PDB file of N, CA and C in Angstrom:
ATOM      1  N   MET A   1       0.818  -1.197   0.000  1.00  0.00           N
ATOM      2  CA  MET A   1       0.000   0.000   0.000  1.00  0.00           C
ATOM      3  C   MET A   1       0.862   1.260   0.000  1.00  0.00           C
ATOM      4  N   ILE A   2       1.873   1.286   0.871  1.00  0.00           N
ATOM      5  CA  ILE A   2       2.742   2.463   0.947  1.00  0.00           C
ATOM      6  C   ILE A   2       3.499   2.632  -0.364  1.00  0.00           C
ATOM      7  N   LYS A   3       4.010   1.516  -0.931  1.00  0.00           N
ATOM      8  CA  LYS A   3       4.713   1.586  -2.215  1.00  0.00           C
ATOM      9  C   LYS A   3       3.821   2.189  -3.290  1.00  0.00           C
ATOM     10  N   HIS A   4       2.560   1.788  -3.313  1.00  0.00           N
ATOM     11  CA  HIS A   4       1.616   2.297  -4.308  1.00  0.00           C
ATOM     12  C   HIS A   4       1.419   3.808  -4.137  1.00  0.00           C
ATOM     13  N   ILE A   5       1.259   4.253  -2.912  1.00  0.00           N
ATOM     14  CA  ILE A   5       1.067   5.687  -2.643  1.00  0.00           C
ATOM     15  C   ILE A   5       2.282   6.475  -3.113  1.00  0.00           C
ATOM     16  N   ILE A   6       3.477   5.980  -2.793  1.00  0.00           N
ATOM     17  CA  ILE A   6       4.705   6.660  -3.211  1.00  0.00           C
ATOM     18  C   ILE A   6       4.828   6.657  -4.732  1.00  0.00           C
ATOM     19  N   SER A   7       4.520   5.535  -5.367  1.00  0.00           N
ATOM     20  CA  SER A   7       4.591   5.437  -6.836  1.00  0.00           C
ATOM     21  C   SER A   7       3.667   6.442  -7.500  1.00  0.00           C
ATOM     22  N   VAL A   8       2.442   6.528  -7.017  1.00  0.00           N
ATOM     23  CA  VAL A   8       1.465   7.471  -7.589  1.00  0.00           C
ATOM     24  C   VAL A   8       1.942   8.900  -7.387  1.00  0.00           C
ATOM     25  N   LYS A   9       2.456   9.197  -6.208  1.00  0.00           N
ATOM     26  CA  LYS A   9       2.934  10.552  -5.905  1.00  0.00           C
ATOM     27  C   LYS A   9       4.111  10.923  -6.816  1.00  0.00           C
ATOM     28  N   LEU A  10       5.101  10.032  -6.937  1.00  0.00           N
ATOM     29  CA  LEU A  10       6.250  10.306  -7.800  1.00  0.00           C
ATOM     30  C   LEU A  10       5.818  10.490  -9.250  1.00  0.00           C
ATOM     31  N   SER A  11       4.954   9.623  -9.731  1.00  0.00           N
ATOM     32  CA  SER A  11       4.477   9.715 -11.112  1.00  0.00           C
ATOM     33  C   SER A  11       3.759  11.030 -11.378  1.00  0.00           C
ATOM     34  N   SER A  12       3.115  11.571 -10.374  1.00  0.00           N
ATOM     35  CA  SER A  12       2.379  12.830 -10.564  1.00  0.00           C
ATOM     36  C   SER A  12       3.317  14.010 -10.816  1.00  0.00           C
ATOM     37  N   TYR A  13       4.583  13.855 -10.500  1.00  0.00           N
ATOM     38  CA  TYR A  13       5.559  14.924 -10.721  1.00  0.00           C
ATOM     39  C   TYR A  13       6.211  14.873 -12.095  1.00  0.00           C
ATOM     40  N   PHE A  14       5.955  13.818 -12.861  1.00  0.00           N
ATOM     41  CA  PHE A  14       6.579  13.664 -14.172  1.00  0.00           C
ATOM     42  C   PHE A  14       6.202  14.818 -15.102  1.00  0.00           C
ATOM     43  N   PHE A  15       7.188  15.254 -15.862  1.00  0.00           N
ATOM     44  CA  PHE A  15       7.043  16.261 -16.909  1.00  0.00           C
ATOM     45  C   PHE A  15       6.455  17.578 -16.408  1.00  0.00           C
ATOM     46  N   LYS A  16       6.932  18.006 -15.241  1.00  0.00           N
ATOM     47  CA  LYS A  16       6.550  19.307 -14.684  1.00  0.00           C
ATOM     48  C   LYS A  16       7.716  20.284 -14.759  1.00  0.00           C
ATOM     49  N   GLY A  17       8.764  19.933 -15.530  1.00  0.00           N
ATOM     50  CA  GLY A  17       9.907  20.820 -15.694  1.00  0.00           C
ATOM     51  C   GLY A  17      10.920  20.751 -14.571  1.00  0.00           C
ATOM     52  N   LYS A  18      10.837  19.746 -13.739  1.00  0.00           N
ATOM     53  CA  LYS A  18      11.746  19.610 -12.599  1.00  0.00           C
ATOM     54  C   LYS A  18      12.389  18.236 -12.597  1.00  0.00           C
ATOM     55  N   THR A  19      13.567  18.165 -12.001  1.00  0.00           N
ATOM     56  CA  THR A  19      14.227  16.881 -11.791  1.00  0.00           C
ATOM     57  C   THR A  19      13.636  16.236 -10.550  1.00  0.00           C
ATOM     58  N   ILE A  20      13.425  14.942 -10.602  1.00  0.00           N
ATOM     59  CA  ILE A  20      12.964  14.191  -9.442  1.00  0.00           C
ATOM     60  C   ILE A  20      14.181  13.501  -8.845  1.00  0.00           C
ATOM     61  N   ILE A  21      14.446  13.773  -7.566  1.00  0.00           N
ATOM     62  CA  ILE A  21      15.586  13.168  -6.882  1.00  0.00           C
ATOM     63  C   ILE A  21      15.062  12.299  -5.747  1.00  0.00           C
ATOM     64  N   VAL A  22      15.481  11.038  -5.735  1.00  0.00           N
ATOM     65  CA  VAL A  22      15.108  10.116  -4.669  1.00  0.00           C
ATOM     66  C   VAL A  22      16.385   9.777  -3.912  1.00  0.00           C
ATOM     67  N   MET A  23      16.457  10.226  -2.652  1.00  0.00           N
ATOM     68  CA  MET A  23      17.644   9.979  -1.830  1.00  0.00           C
ATOM     69  C   MET A  23      17.241   9.180  -0.599  1.00  0.00           C
ATOM     70  N   GLY A  24      18.175   8.403  -0.104  1.00  0.00           N
ATOM     71  CA  GLY A  24      17.921   7.643   1.100  1.00  0.00           C
ATOM     72  C   GLY A  24      19.042   6.669   1.373  1.00  0.00           C
ATOM     73  N   PRO A  25      18.939   5.962   2.477  1.00  0.00           N
ATOM     74  CA  PRO A  25      19.977   4.989   2.833  1.00  0.00           C
ATOM     75  C   PRO A  25      20.092   3.883   1.792  1.00  0.00           C
ATOM     76  N   ARG A  26      21.240   3.245   1.793  1.00  0.00           N
ATOM     77  CA  ARG A  26      21.480   2.122   0.881  1.00  0.00           C
ATOM     78  C   ARG A  26      20.504   0.978   1.163  1.00  0.00           C
ATOM     79  N   GLN A  27      20.199   0.242   0.091  1.00  0.00           N
ATOM     80  CA  GLN A  27      19.415  -0.988   0.193  1.00  0.00           C
ATOM     81  C   GLN A  27      18.009  -0.767   0.765  1.00  0.00           C
ATOM     82  N   THR A  28      17.396   0.368   0.459  1.00  0.00           N
ATOM     83  CA  THR A  28      16.041   0.619   0.956  1.00  0.00           C
ATOM     84  C   THR A  28      14.994   0.557  -0.150  1.00  0.00           C
ATOM     85  N   GLY A  29      15.419   0.247  -1.385  1.00  0.00           N
ATOM     86  CA  GLY A  29      14.463   0.050  -2.464  1.00  0.00           C
ATOM     87  C   GLY A  29      14.251   1.236  -3.385  1.00  0.00           C
ATOM     88  N   LYS A  30      15.146   2.219  -3.352  1.00  0.00           N
ATOM     89  CA  LYS A  30      15.000   3.406  -4.214  1.00  0.00           C
ATOM     90  C   LYS A  30      15.008   3.014  -5.691  1.00  0.00           C
ATOM     91  N   THR A  31      16.003   2.251  -6.086  1.00  0.00           N
ATOM     92  CA  THR A  31      16.129   1.841  -7.490  1.00  0.00           C
ATOM     93  C   THR A  31      14.961   0.961  -7.897  1.00  0.00           C
ATOM     94  N   THR A  32      14.597   0.023  -7.058  1.00  0.00           N
ATOM     95  CA  THR A  32      13.472  -0.877  -7.359  1.00  0.00           C
ATOM     96  C   THR A  32      12.185  -0.084  -7.513  1.00  0.00           C
ATOM     97  N   LEU A  33      11.961   0.879  -6.635  1.00  0.00           N
ATOM     98  CA  LEU A  33      10.762   1.712  -6.717  1.00  0.00           C
ATOM     99  C   LEU A  33      10.699   2.443  -8.056  1.00  0.00           C
ATOM    100  N   ILE A  34      11.789   3.087  -8.424  1.00  0.00           N
ATOM    101  CA  ILE A  34      11.802   3.854  -9.673  1.00  0.00           C
ATOM    102  C   ILE A  34      11.673   2.924 -10.878  1.00  0.00           C
ATOM    103  N   GLN A  35      12.368   1.799 -10.854  1.00  0.00           N
ATOM    104  CA  GLN A  35      12.261   0.851 -11.974  1.00  0.00           C
ATOM    105  C   GLN A  35      10.838   0.305 -12.101  1.00  0.00           C
ATOM    106  N   THR A  36      10.149   0.125 -10.984  1.00  0.00           N
ATOM    107  CA  THR A  36       8.764  -0.331 -11.020  1.00  0.00           C
ATOM    108  C   THR A  36       7.874   0.722 -11.672  1.00  0.00           C
ATOM    109  N   ILE A  37       8.078   1.976 -11.322  1.00  0.00           N
ATOM    110  CA  ILE A  37       7.302   3.068 -11.917  1.00  0.00           C
ATOM    111  C   ILE A  37       7.573   3.155 -13.416  1.00  0.00           C
ATOM    112  N   LEU A  38       8.824   2.948 -13.806  1.00  0.00           N
ATOM    113  CA  LEU A  38       9.215   3.092 -15.213  1.00  0.00           C
ATOM    114  C   LEU A  38       9.050   1.799 -16.016  1.00  0.00           C
ATOM    115  N   ASN A  39       8.637   0.733 -15.374  1.00  0.00           N
ATOM    116  CA  ASN A  39       8.548  -0.576 -16.006  1.00  0.00           C
ATOM    117  C   ASN A  39       7.838  -0.565 -17.356  1.00  0.00           C
ATOM    118  N   GLU A  40       6.754   0.139 -17.467  1.00  0.00           N
ATOM    119  CA  GLU A  40       5.957   0.147 -18.697  1.00  0.00           C
ATOM    120  C   GLU A  40       6.262   1.368 -19.572  1.00  0.00           C
ATOM    121  N   ARG A  41       7.223   2.168 -19.172  1.00  0.00           N
ATOM    122  CA  ARG A  41       7.564   3.373 -19.920  1.00  0.00           C
ATOM    123  C   ARG A  41       8.943   3.220 -20.559  1.00  0.00           C
ATOM    124  N   GLU A  42       9.069   3.728 -21.752  1.00  0.00           N
ATOM    125  CA  GLU A  42      10.382   3.720 -22.398  1.00  0.00           C
ATOM    126  C   GLU A  42      11.268   4.739 -21.684  1.00  0.00           C
ATOM    127  N   HIS A  43      12.488   4.327 -21.349  1.00  0.00           N
ATOM    128  CA  HIS A  43      13.402   5.222 -20.629  1.00  0.00           C
ATOM    129  C   HIS A  43      14.852   4.780 -20.850  1.00  0.00           C
ATOM    130  N   LEU A  44      15.757   5.688 -20.527  1.00  0.00           N
ATOM    131  CA  LEU A  44      17.187   5.403 -20.570  1.00  0.00           C
ATOM    132  C   LEU A  44      17.666   5.262 -19.132  1.00  0.00           C
ATOM    133  N   PHE A  45      18.302   4.134 -18.830  1.00  0.00           N
ATOM    134  CA  PHE A  45      18.843   3.891 -17.498  1.00  0.00           C
ATOM    135  C   PHE A  45      20.353   4.046 -17.544  1.00  0.00           C
ATOM    136  N   LEU A  46      20.887   4.918 -16.700  1.00  0.00           N
ATOM    137  CA  LEU A  46      22.327   5.113 -16.573  1.00  0.00           C
ATOM    138  C   LEU A  46      22.702   4.845 -15.122  1.00  0.00           C
ATOM    139  N   ASN A  47      23.748   4.066 -14.909  1.00  0.00           N
ATOM    140  CA  ASN A  47      24.164   3.713 -13.564  1.00  0.00           C
ATOM    141  C   ASN A  47      25.477   4.416 -13.231  1.00  0.00           C
ATOM    142  N   GLY A  48      25.451   5.272 -12.230  1.00  0.00           N
ATOM    143  CA  GLY A  48      26.630   6.010 -11.811  1.00  0.00           C
ATOM    144  C   GLY A  48      27.751   5.135 -11.277  1.00  0.00           C
ATOM    145  N   ASP A  49      27.446   3.892 -10.940  1.00  0.00           N
ATOM    146  CA  ASP A  49      28.488   2.955 -10.519  1.00  0.00           C
ATOM    147  C   ASP A  49      29.326   2.485 -11.700  1.00  0.00           C
ATOM    148  N   ASP A  50      28.789   2.614 -12.907  1.00  0.00           N
ATOM    149  CA  ASP A  50      29.454   2.143 -14.121  1.00  0.00           C
ATOM    150  C   ASP A  50      30.528   3.146 -14.544  1.00  0.00           C
ATOM    151  N   ALA A  51      31.760   2.675 -14.660  1.00  0.00           N
ATOM    152  CA  ALA A  51      32.887   3.547 -15.016  1.00  0.00           C
ATOM    153  C   ALA A  51      32.690   4.218 -16.378  1.00  0.00           C
ATOM    154  N   ILE A  52      32.064   3.526 -17.316  1.00  0.00           N
ATOM    155  CA  ILE A  52      31.839   4.104 -18.649  1.00  0.00           C
ATOM    156  C   ILE A  52      30.865   5.277 -18.557  1.00  0.00           C
ATOM    157  N   VAL A  53      29.793   5.099 -17.792  1.00  0.00           N
ATOM    158  CA  VAL A  53      28.825   6.191 -17.604  1.00  0.00           C
ATOM    159  C   VAL A  53      29.521   7.392 -16.961  1.00  0.00           C
ATOM    160  N   ARG A  54      30.311   7.135 -15.927  1.00  0.00           N
ATOM    161  CA  ARG A  54      31.028   8.233 -15.257  1.00  0.00           C
ATOM    162  C   ARG A  54      31.974   8.936 -16.217  1.00  0.00           C
ATOM    163  N   SER A  55      32.671   8.184 -17.048  1.00  0.00           N
ATOM    164  CA  SER A  55      33.618   8.817 -17.975  1.00  0.00           C
ATOM    165  C   SER A  55      32.887   9.625 -19.042  1.00  0.00           C
ATOM    166  N   LEU A  56      31.733   9.134 -19.506  1.00  0.00           N
ATOM    167  CA  LEU A  56      30.960   9.883 -20.503  1.00  0.00           C
ATOM    168  C   LEU A  56      30.461  11.214 -19.947  1.00  0.00           C
ATOM    169  N   LEU A  57      30.150  11.238 -18.658  1.00  0.00           N
ATOM    170  CA  LEU A  57      29.610  12.449 -18.034  1.00  0.00           C
ATOM    171  C   LEU A  57      30.639  13.160 -17.160  1.00  0.00           C
ATOM    172  N   GLU A  58      31.933  12.834 -17.354  1.00  0.00           N
ATOM    173  CA  GLU A  58      32.997  13.397 -16.510  1.00  0.00           C
ATOM    174  C   GLU A  58      33.063  14.919 -16.605  1.00  0.00           C
ATOM    175  N   SER A  59      33.016  15.438 -17.791  1.00  0.00           N
ATOM    176  CA  SER A  59      33.005  16.895 -18.004  1.00  0.00           C
ATOM    177  C   SER A  59      31.716  17.225 -18.746  1.00  0.00           C
ATOM    178  N   PRO A  60      30.623  17.367 -18.007  1.00  0.00           N
ATOM    179  CA  PRO A  60      29.329  17.523 -18.662  1.00  0.00           C
ATOM    180  C   PRO A  60      29.282  18.738 -19.591  1.00  0.00           C
ATOM    181  N   ASN A  61      28.814  18.500 -20.809  1.00  0.00           N
ATOM    182  CA  ASN A  61      28.622  19.585 -21.763  1.00  0.00           C
ATOM    183  C   ASN A  61      27.416  19.235 -22.621  1.00  0.00           C
ATOM    184  N   LEU A  62      26.831  20.238 -23.219  1.00  0.00           N
ATOM    185  CA  LEU A  62      25.587  20.086 -23.962  1.00  0.00           C
ATOM    186  C   LEU A  62      25.703  19.056 -25.085  1.00  0.00           C
ATOM    187  N   PHE A  63      26.783  19.097 -25.854  1.00  0.00           N
ATOM    188  CA  PHE A  63      26.951  18.197 -26.994  1.00  0.00           C
ATOM    189  C   PHE A  63      26.995  16.733 -26.555  1.00  0.00           C
ATOM    190  N   THR A  64      27.831  16.433 -25.569  1.00  0.00           N
ATOM    191  CA  THR A  64      27.973  15.054 -25.101  1.00  0.00           C
ATOM    192  C   THR A  64      26.680  14.544 -24.494  1.00  0.00           C
ATOM    193  N   ILE A  65      26.057  15.363 -23.665  1.00  0.00           N
ATOM    194  CA  ILE A  65      24.810  14.944 -23.025  1.00  0.00           C
ATOM    195  C   ILE A  65      23.727  14.679 -24.076  1.00  0.00           C
ATOM    196  N   LYS A  66      23.652  15.526 -25.092  1.00  0.00           N
ATOM    197  CA  LYS A  66      22.653  15.334 -26.149  1.00  0.00           C
ATOM    198  C   LYS A  66      22.855  13.996 -26.851  1.00  0.00           C
ATOM    199  N   LYS A  67      24.111  13.643 -27.123  1.00  0.00           N
ATOM    200  CA  LYS A  67      24.405  12.357 -27.769  1.00  0.00           C
ATOM    201  C   LYS A  67      24.010  11.186 -26.872  1.00  0.00           C
ATOM    202  N   ILE A  68      24.257  11.295 -25.587  1.00  0.00           N
ATOM    203  CA  ILE A  68      23.936  10.218 -24.649  1.00  0.00           C
ATOM    204  C   ILE A  68      22.418  10.049 -24.524  1.00  0.00           C
ATOM    205  N   LEU A  69      21.702  11.149 -24.411  1.00  0.00           N
ATOM    206  CA  LEU A  69      20.254  11.085 -24.193  1.00  0.00           C
ATOM    207  C   LEU A  69      19.502  10.576 -25.411  1.00  0.00           C
ATOM    208  N   GLY A  70      19.992  10.914 -26.604  1.00  0.00           N
ATOM    209  CA  GLY A  70      19.307  10.480 -27.818  1.00  0.00           C
ATOM    210  C   GLY A  70      17.882  10.985 -27.865  1.00  0.00           C
ATOM    211  N   ASP A  71      16.952  10.115 -28.237  1.00  0.00           N
ATOM    212  CA  ASP A  71      15.540  10.481 -28.338  1.00  0.00           C
ATOM    213  C   ASP A  71      14.746  10.129 -27.088  1.00  0.00           C
ATOM    214  N   ASN A  72      15.417   9.704 -26.045  1.00  0.00           N
ATOM    215  CA  ASN A  72      14.726   9.303 -24.818  1.00  0.00           C
ATOM    216  C   ASN A  72      14.083  10.507 -24.130  1.00  0.00           C
ATOM    217  N   LYS A  73      12.902  10.300 -23.596  1.00  0.00           N
ATOM    218  CA  LYS A  73      12.171  11.369 -22.903  1.00  0.00           C
ATOM    219  C   LYS A  73      12.217  11.219 -21.391  1.00  0.00           C
ATOM    220  N   ILE A  74      12.574  10.030 -20.914  1.00  0.00           N
ATOM    221  CA  ILE A  74      12.734   9.799 -19.482  1.00  0.00           C
ATOM    222  C   ILE A  74      14.137   9.236 -19.269  1.00  0.00           C
ATOM    223  N   ILE A  75      14.896   9.890 -18.390  1.00  0.00           N
ATOM    224  CA  ILE A  75      16.262   9.476 -18.076  1.00  0.00           C
ATOM    225  C   ILE A  75      16.322   9.163 -16.582  1.00  0.00           C
ATOM    226  N   PHE A  76      16.780   7.972 -16.258  1.00  0.00           N
ATOM    227  CA  PHE A  76      16.949   7.575 -14.863  1.00  0.00           C
ATOM    228  C   PHE A  76      18.431   7.345 -14.618  1.00  0.00           C
ATOM    229  N   ILE A  77      19.017   8.177 -13.748  1.00  0.00           N
ATOM    230  CA  ILE A  77      20.428   8.016 -13.383  1.00  0.00           C
ATOM    231  C   ILE A  77      20.479   7.538 -11.929  1.00  0.00           C
ATOM    232  N   ASP A  78      20.893   6.293 -11.759  1.00  0.00           N
ATOM    233  CA  ASP A  78      21.022   5.698 -10.436  1.00  0.00           C
ATOM    234  C   ASP A  78      22.433   5.967  -9.912  1.00  0.00           C
ATOM    235  N   GLU A  79      22.577   6.072  -8.606  1.00  0.00           N
ATOM    236  CA  GLU A  79      23.864   6.390  -7.968  1.00  0.00           C
ATOM    237  C   GLU A  79      24.438   7.676  -8.567  1.00  0.00           C
ATOM    238  N   PHE A  80      23.583   8.652  -8.682  1.00  0.00           N
ATOM    239  CA  PHE A  80      23.909   9.938  -9.294  1.00  0.00           C
ATOM    240  C   PHE A  80      25.088  10.620  -8.611  1.00  0.00           C
ATOM    241  N   GLN A  81      25.215  10.434  -7.314  1.00  0.00           N
ATOM    242  CA  GLN A  81      26.267  11.114  -6.552  1.00  0.00           C
ATOM    243  C   GLN A  81      27.663  10.684  -6.980  1.00  0.00           C
ATOM    244  N   ARG A  82      27.792   9.577  -7.681  1.00  0.00           N
ATOM    245  CA  ARG A  82      29.103   9.090  -8.113  1.00  0.00           C
ATOM    246  C   ARG A  82      29.650   9.857  -9.320  1.00  0.00           C
ATOM    247  N   LEU A  83      28.787  10.631  -9.994  1.00  0.00           N
ATOM    248  CA  LEU A  83      29.250  11.419 -11.135  1.00  0.00           C
ATOM    249  C   LEU A  83      30.169  12.525 -10.645  1.00  0.00           C
ATOM    250  N   ASN A  84      31.074  12.958 -11.507  1.00  0.00           N
ATOM    251  CA  ASN A  84      32.049  13.986 -11.162  1.00  0.00           C
ATOM    252  C   ASN A  84      31.375  15.292 -10.741  1.00  0.00           C
ATOM    253  N   GLU A  85      30.427  15.760 -11.535  1.00  0.00           N
ATOM    254  CA  GLU A  85      29.716  16.999 -11.226  1.00  0.00           C
ATOM    255  C   GLU A  85      28.218  16.771 -11.391  1.00  0.00           C
ATOM    256  N   PRO A  86      27.607  16.070 -10.424  1.00  0.00           N
ATOM    257  CA  PRO A  86      26.197  15.717 -10.584  1.00  0.00           C
ATOM    258  C   PRO A  86      25.279  16.924 -10.699  1.00  0.00           C
ATOM    259  N   GLY A  87      25.555  17.979  -9.955  1.00  0.00           N
ATOM    260  CA  GLY A  87      24.708  19.172 -10.011  1.00  0.00           C
ATOM    261  C   GLY A  87      24.732  19.836 -11.374  1.00  0.00           C
ATOM    262  N   LEU A  88      25.910  19.927 -11.971  1.00  0.00           N
ATOM    263  CA  LEU A  88      26.039  20.544 -13.290  1.00  0.00           C
ATOM    264  C   LEU A  88      25.371  19.684 -14.354  1.00  0.00           C
ATOM    265  N   THR A  89      25.561  18.369 -14.268  1.00  0.00           N
ATOM    266  CA  THR A  89      24.915  17.455 -15.212  1.00  0.00           C
ATOM    267  C   THR A  89      23.402  17.606 -15.129  1.00  0.00           C
ATOM    268  N   MET A  90      22.880  17.618 -13.915  1.00  0.00           N
ATOM    269  CA  MET A  90      21.450  17.764 -13.705  1.00  0.00           C
ATOM    270  C   MET A  90      20.950  19.098 -14.246  1.00  0.00           C
ATOM    271  N   LYS A  91      21.686  20.157 -13.997  1.00  0.00           N
ATOM    272  CA  LYS A  91      21.287  21.492 -14.455  1.00  0.00           C
ATOM    273  C   LYS A  91      21.237  21.567 -15.977  1.00  0.00           C
ATOM    274  N   ILE A  92      22.242  21.024 -16.633  1.00  0.00           N
ATOM    275  CA  ILE A  92      22.263  21.044 -18.107  1.00  0.00           C
ATOM    276  C   ILE A  92      21.061  20.297 -18.664  1.00  0.00           C
ATOM    277  N   ILE A  93      20.804  19.096 -18.138  1.00  0.00           N
ATOM    278  CA  ILE A  93      19.683  18.304 -18.650  1.00  0.00           C
ATOM    279  C   ILE A  93      18.353  19.020 -18.396  1.00  0.00           C
ATOM    280  N   THR A  94      18.160  19.510 -17.198  1.00  0.00           N
ATOM    281  CA  THR A  94      16.891  20.154 -16.843  1.00  0.00           C
ATOM    282  C   THR A  94      16.686  21.467 -17.591  1.00  0.00           C
ATOM    283  N   ASP A  95      17.735  22.270 -17.710  1.00  0.00           N
ATOM    284  CA  ASP A  95      17.608  23.583 -18.361  1.00  0.00           C
ATOM    285  C   ASP A  95      17.559  23.505 -19.880  1.00  0.00           C
ATOM    286  N   GLN A  96      18.310  22.604 -20.468  1.00  0.00           N
ATOM    287  CA  GLN A  96      18.459  22.590 -21.924  1.00  0.00           C
ATOM    288  C   GLN A  96      17.534  21.612 -22.647  1.00  0.00           C
ATOM    289  N   PHE A  97      17.007  20.638 -21.943  1.00  0.00           N
ATOM    290  CA  PHE A  97      16.164  19.625 -22.561  1.00  0.00           C
ATOM    291  C   PHE A  97      14.811  19.628 -21.852  1.00  0.00           C
ATOM    292  N   LYS A  98      14.000  20.607 -22.178  1.00  0.00           N
ATOM    293  CA  LYS A  98      12.743  20.855 -21.472  1.00  0.00           C
ATOM    294  C   LYS A  98      11.740  19.709 -21.597  1.00  0.00           C
ATOM    295  N   ASP A  99      11.850  18.898 -22.649  1.00  0.00           N
ATOM    296  CA  ASP A  99      10.889  17.815 -22.854  1.00  0.00           C
ATOM    297  C   ASP A  99      11.351  16.493 -22.240  1.00  0.00           C
ATOM    298  N   ILE A 100      12.428  16.539 -21.457  1.00  0.00           N
ATOM    299  CA  ILE A 100      12.967  15.323 -20.834  1.00  0.00           C
ATOM    300  C   ILE A 100      12.691  15.343 -19.336  1.00  0.00           C
ATOM    301  N   GLN A 101      12.269  14.201 -18.823  1.00  0.00           N
ATOM    302  CA  GLN A 101      12.100  14.035 -17.384  1.00  0.00           C
ATOM    303  C   GLN A 101      13.333  13.329 -16.847  1.00  0.00           C
ATOM    304  N   LEU A 102      14.073  14.003 -15.987  1.00  0.00           N
ATOM    305  CA  LEU A 102      15.251  13.418 -15.351  1.00  0.00           C
ATOM    306  C   LEU A 102      14.863  12.922 -13.970  1.00  0.00           C
ATOM    307  N   ILE A 103      15.241  11.689 -13.685  1.00  0.00           N
ATOM    308  CA  ILE A 103      15.046  11.096 -12.363  1.00  0.00           C
ATOM    309  C   ILE A 103      16.417  10.644 -11.885  1.00  0.00           C
ATOM    310  N   ALA A 104      16.782  11.044 -10.690  1.00  0.00           N
ATOM    311  CA  ALA A 104      18.083  10.682 -10.140  1.00  0.00           C
ATOM    312  C   ALA A 104      17.886  10.047  -8.770  1.00  0.00           C
ATOM    313  N   SER A 105      18.700   9.052  -8.475  1.00  0.00           N
ATOM    314  CA  SER A 105      18.644   8.453  -7.144  1.00  0.00           C
ATOM    315  C   SER A 105      20.063   8.282  -6.618  1.00  0.00           C
ATOM    316  N   GLY A 106      20.164   8.312  -5.303  1.00  0.00           N
ATOM    317  CA  GLY A 106      21.471   8.151  -4.690  1.00  0.00           C
ATOM    318  C   GLY A 106      21.371   7.883  -3.208  1.00  0.00           C
ATOM    319  N   SER A 107      22.466   7.408  -2.659  1.00  0.00           N
ATOM    320  CA  SER A 107      22.484   6.983  -1.267  1.00  0.00           C
ATOM    321  C   SER A 107      23.115   7.980  -0.310  1.00  0.00           C
ATOM    322  N   PHE A 108      24.046   8.756  -0.774  1.00  0.00           N
ATOM    323  CA  PHE A 108      24.757   9.663   0.118  1.00  0.00           C
ATOM    324  C   PHE A 108      24.073  11.015   0.140  1.00  0.00           C
ATOM    325  N   ALA A 109      23.047  11.149   0.919  1.00  0.00           N
ATOM    326  CA  ALA A 109      22.235  12.364   0.937  1.00  0.00           C
ATOM    327  C   ALA A 109      23.061  13.610   1.250  1.00  0.00           C
ATOM    328  N   LEU A 110      23.913  13.553   2.269  1.00  0.00           N
ATOM    329  CA  LEU A 110      24.686  14.741   2.637  1.00  0.00           C
ATOM    330  C   LEU A 110      25.705  15.076   1.561  1.00  0.00           C
ATOM    331  N   GLU A 111      26.424  14.059   1.084  1.00  0.00           N
ATOM    332  CA  GLU A 111      27.420  14.267   0.036  1.00  0.00           C
ATOM    333  C   GLU A 111      26.750  14.792  -1.232  1.00  0.00           C
ATOM    334  N   MET A 112      25.645  14.186  -1.599  1.00  0.00           N
ATOM    335  CA  MET A 112      24.942  14.600  -2.805  1.00  0.00           C
ATOM    336  C   MET A 112      24.416  16.024  -2.641  1.00  0.00           C
ATOM    337  N   GLY A 113      23.896  16.334  -1.473  1.00  0.00           N
ATOM    338  CA  GLY A 113      23.374  17.665  -1.224  1.00  0.00           C
ATOM    339  C   GLY A 113      24.433  18.733  -1.446  1.00  0.00           C
ATOM    340  N   ASN A 114      25.642  18.471  -0.995  1.00  0.00           N
ATOM    341  CA  ASN A 114      26.736  19.417  -1.184  1.00  0.00           C
ATOM    342  C   ASN A 114      27.108  19.575  -2.657  1.00  0.00           C
ATOM    343  N   GLN A 115      26.924  18.529  -3.448  1.00  0.00           N
ATOM    344  CA  GLN A 115      27.297  18.578  -4.848  1.00  0.00           C
ATOM    345  C   GLN A 115      26.176  19.126  -5.723  1.00  0.00           C
ATOM    346  N   LEU A 116      24.995  19.334  -5.178  1.00  0.00           N
ATOM    347  CA  LEU A 116      23.854  19.783  -5.963  1.00  0.00           C
ATOM    348  C   LEU A 116      23.505  21.245  -5.728  1.00  0.00           C
ATOM    349  N   ASN A 117      24.391  21.984  -5.083  1.00  0.00           N
ATOM    350  CA  ASN A 117      24.095  23.381  -4.760  1.00  0.00           C
ATOM    351  C   ASN A 117      23.656  24.176  -5.968  1.00  0.00           C
ATOM    352  N   GLU A 118      24.342  24.044  -7.073  1.00  0.00           N
ATOM    353  CA  GLU A 118      24.028  24.786  -8.292  1.00  0.00           C
ATOM    354  C   GLU A 118      22.635  24.461  -8.792  1.00  0.00           C
ATOM    355  N   ALA A 119      22.321  23.157  -8.823  1.00  0.00           N
ATOM    356  CA  ALA A 119      21.013  22.725  -9.350  1.00  0.00           C
ATOM    357  C   ALA A 119      19.908  23.071  -8.380  1.00  0.00           C
TER     358      ALA A 119
END
């Protein structure tokens, strides 16, 4: 029941021009929750634990991000805090790609908070 309420609430925020950030302790179901919501929707999943993803987004810029996003309208970046400049990456996607819904999740709330000041 609680999962359903949270899923409905999160889904209601889609495509409102804002990034959705889900933060919390490790192993509490953040990724599973988001994947369940996105299960029937086409989306791009990027994992911040993946070295290739981190290297692609190491120096975030409009050209590189556009190539990575392609035609996807929903982008889910898990372990977002592992990116070099998560706040800048988030800002570029949110500001420059108005028709894209960015969803980010991460475990280090305090660390991530410090890195998201710009966004």
